[in-house]
């Protein structure tokens, strides 16, 4: 396997994981709001 191939494969996997994390976060937020709660979005102060 070439280095470029491995890099492309890693980037695809990283994108897929990000997408799944986003979907999971959305489901949690929706459920919390459904129950009458508040779901805050915390961000890192870079």
N, C-alpha and C. Protein backbone atom coordinates (compact mmCIF):
# COMPACT_ATOMS: atom_id res chain seq x y z
N UNK A 1 0.85 -1.19 0.00
CA UNK A 1 0.00 0.00 0.00
C UNK A 1 0.88 1.24 0.00
N UNK A 2 0.44 2.20 -0.75
CA UNK A 2 1.21 3.44 -0.79
C UNK A 2 0.80 4.36 0.34
N UNK A 3 1.66 5.30 0.64
CA UNK A 3 1.38 6.25 1.71
C UNK A 3 0.14 7.08 1.40
N UNK A 4 -0.02 7.46 0.12
CA UNK A 4 -1.17 8.27 -0.30
C UNK A 4 -2.48 7.50 -0.09
N UNK A 5 -2.48 6.22 -0.43
CA UNK A 5 -3.67 5.39 -0.26
C UNK A 5 -4.06 5.31 1.22
N UNK A 6 -3.09 5.09 2.07
CA UNK A 6 -3.35 5.00 3.52
C UNK A 6 -3.90 6.32 4.03
N UNK A 7 -3.33 7.42 3.57
CA UNK A 7 -3.79 8.75 3.99
C UNK A 7 -5.23 8.99 3.57
N UNK A 8 -5.58 8.61 2.34
CA UNK A 8 -6.95 8.80 1.84
C UNK A 8 -7.92 7.95 2.65
N UNK A 9 -7.52 6.72 2.94
CA UNK A 9 -8.38 5.81 3.71
C UNK A 9 -8.63 6.39 5.11
N UNK A 10 -7.59 6.92 5.72
CA UNK A 10 -7.71 7.52 7.05
C UNK A 10 -8.65 8.72 7.02
N UNK A 11 -8.51 9.58 5.99
CA UNK A 11 -9.36 10.77 5.88
C UNK A 11 -10.83 10.38 5.74
N UNK A 12 -11.10 9.35 4.96
CA UNK A 12 -12.49 8.89 4.80
C UNK A 12 -13.04 8.40 6.12
N UNK A 13 -12.25 7.63 6.84
CA UNK A 13 -12.69 7.08 8.13
C UNK A 13 -12.94 8.21 9.12
N UNK A 14 -12.04 9.20 9.13
CA UNK A 14 -12.18 10.34 10.03
C UNK A 14 -13.48 11.09 9.72
N UNK A 15 -13.77 11.30 8.44
CA UNK A 15 -15.00 11.99 8.03
C UNK A 15 -16.22 11.20 8.48
N UNK A 16 -16.18 9.90 8.29
CA UNK A 16 -17.29 9.04 8.67
C UNK A 16 -17.54 9.12 10.18
N UNK A 17 -16.47 9.10 10.97
CA UNK A 17 -16.60 9.18 12.42
C UNK A 17 -17.19 10.53 12.83
N UNK A 18 -16.74 11.60 12.19
CA UNK A 18 -17.27 12.93 12.50
C UNK A 18 -18.76 12.99 12.22
N UNK A 19 -19.17 12.40 11.12
CA UNK A 19 -20.57 12.39 10.74
C UNK A 19 -21.39 11.63 11.78
N UNK A 20 -20.89 10.49 12.20
CA UNK A 20 -21.60 9.71 13.20
C UNK A 20 -21.68 10.46 14.53
N UNK A 21 -20.62 11.15 14.91
CA UNK A 21 -20.63 11.92 16.15
C UNK A 21 -21.68 13.03 16.06
N UNK A 22 -21.76 13.69 14.91
CA UNK A 22 -22.73 14.75 14.70
C UNK A 22 -24.16 14.20 14.82
N UNK A 23 -24.40 13.04 14.21
CA UNK A 23 -25.73 12.43 14.27
C UNK A 23 -26.09 12.03 15.70
N UNK A 24 -25.13 11.47 16.41
CA UNK A 24 -25.36 11.07 17.80
C UNK A 24 -25.68 12.29 18.66
N UNK A 25 -24.91 13.36 18.48
CA UNK A 25 -25.14 14.58 19.24
C UNK A 25 -26.54 15.13 18.97
N UNK A 26 -26.96 15.11 17.71
CA UNK A 26 -28.28 15.61 17.33
C UNK A 26 -29.38 14.80 18.01
N UNK A 27 -29.22 13.46 18.05
CA UNK A 27 -30.22 12.60 18.69
C UNK A 27 -30.32 12.90 20.18
N UNK A 28 -29.17 13.07 20.83
CA UNK A 28 -29.17 13.37 22.26
C UNK A 28 -29.85 14.70 22.55
N UNK A 29 -29.52 15.72 21.75
CA UNK A 29 -30.11 17.04 21.93
C UNK A 29 -31.62 16.97 21.75
N UNK A 30 -32.07 16.27 20.71
CA UNK A 30 -33.52 16.16 20.46
C UNK A 30 -34.23 15.47 21.62
N UNK A 31 -33.62 14.42 22.14
CA UNK A 31 -34.25 13.67 23.25
C UNK A 31 -34.31 14.52 24.52
N UNK A 32 -33.25 15.24 24.81
CA UNK A 32 -33.22 16.10 26.00
C UNK A 32 -34.29 17.19 25.88
N UNK A 33 -34.40 17.80 24.70
CA UNK A 33 -35.41 18.84 24.50
C UNK A 33 -36.82 18.26 24.58
N UNK A 34 -36.98 17.03 24.09
CA UNK A 34 -38.26 16.33 24.15
C UNK A 34 -38.70 16.15 25.60
N UNK A 35 -37.74 15.93 26.48
CA UNK A 35 -38.03 15.73 27.90
C UNK A 35 -38.15 17.05 28.66
N UNK A 36 -38.00 18.17 27.94
CA UNK A 36 -38.16 19.47 28.57
C UNK A 36 -36.87 20.06 29.12
N UNK A 37 -35.76 19.46 28.80
CA UNK A 37 -34.47 19.95 29.30
C UNK A 37 -33.78 20.88 28.33
N UNK A 38 -32.62 21.32 28.72
CA UNK A 38 -31.80 22.18 27.87
C UNK A 38 -30.50 21.46 27.54
N UNK A 39 -30.07 21.58 26.31
CA UNK A 39 -28.82 20.93 25.87
C UNK A 39 -27.87 22.03 25.41
N UNK A 40 -26.87 22.30 26.22
CA UNK A 40 -25.91 23.35 25.88
C UNK A 40 -24.79 22.81 25.01
N UNK A 41 -24.29 23.64 24.14
CA UNK A 41 -23.17 23.27 23.28
C UNK A 41 -21.93 23.92 23.88
N UNK A 42 -20.99 23.11 24.36
CA UNK A 42 -19.77 23.62 24.95
C UNK A 42 -18.68 23.64 23.89
N UNK A 43 -17.94 24.72 23.83
CA UNK A 43 -16.85 24.83 22.87
C UNK A 43 -15.55 25.17 23.60
N UNK A 44 -14.46 24.73 23.04
CA UNK A 44 -13.16 24.97 23.63
C UNK A 44 -12.69 26.39 23.30
N UNK A 45 -12.23 27.14 24.30
CA UNK A 45 -11.75 28.52 24.05
C UNK A 45 -10.30 28.49 23.53
N UNK A 46 -10.15 28.32 22.24
CA UNK A 46 -8.81 28.23 21.66
C UNK A 46 -8.10 29.52 21.64
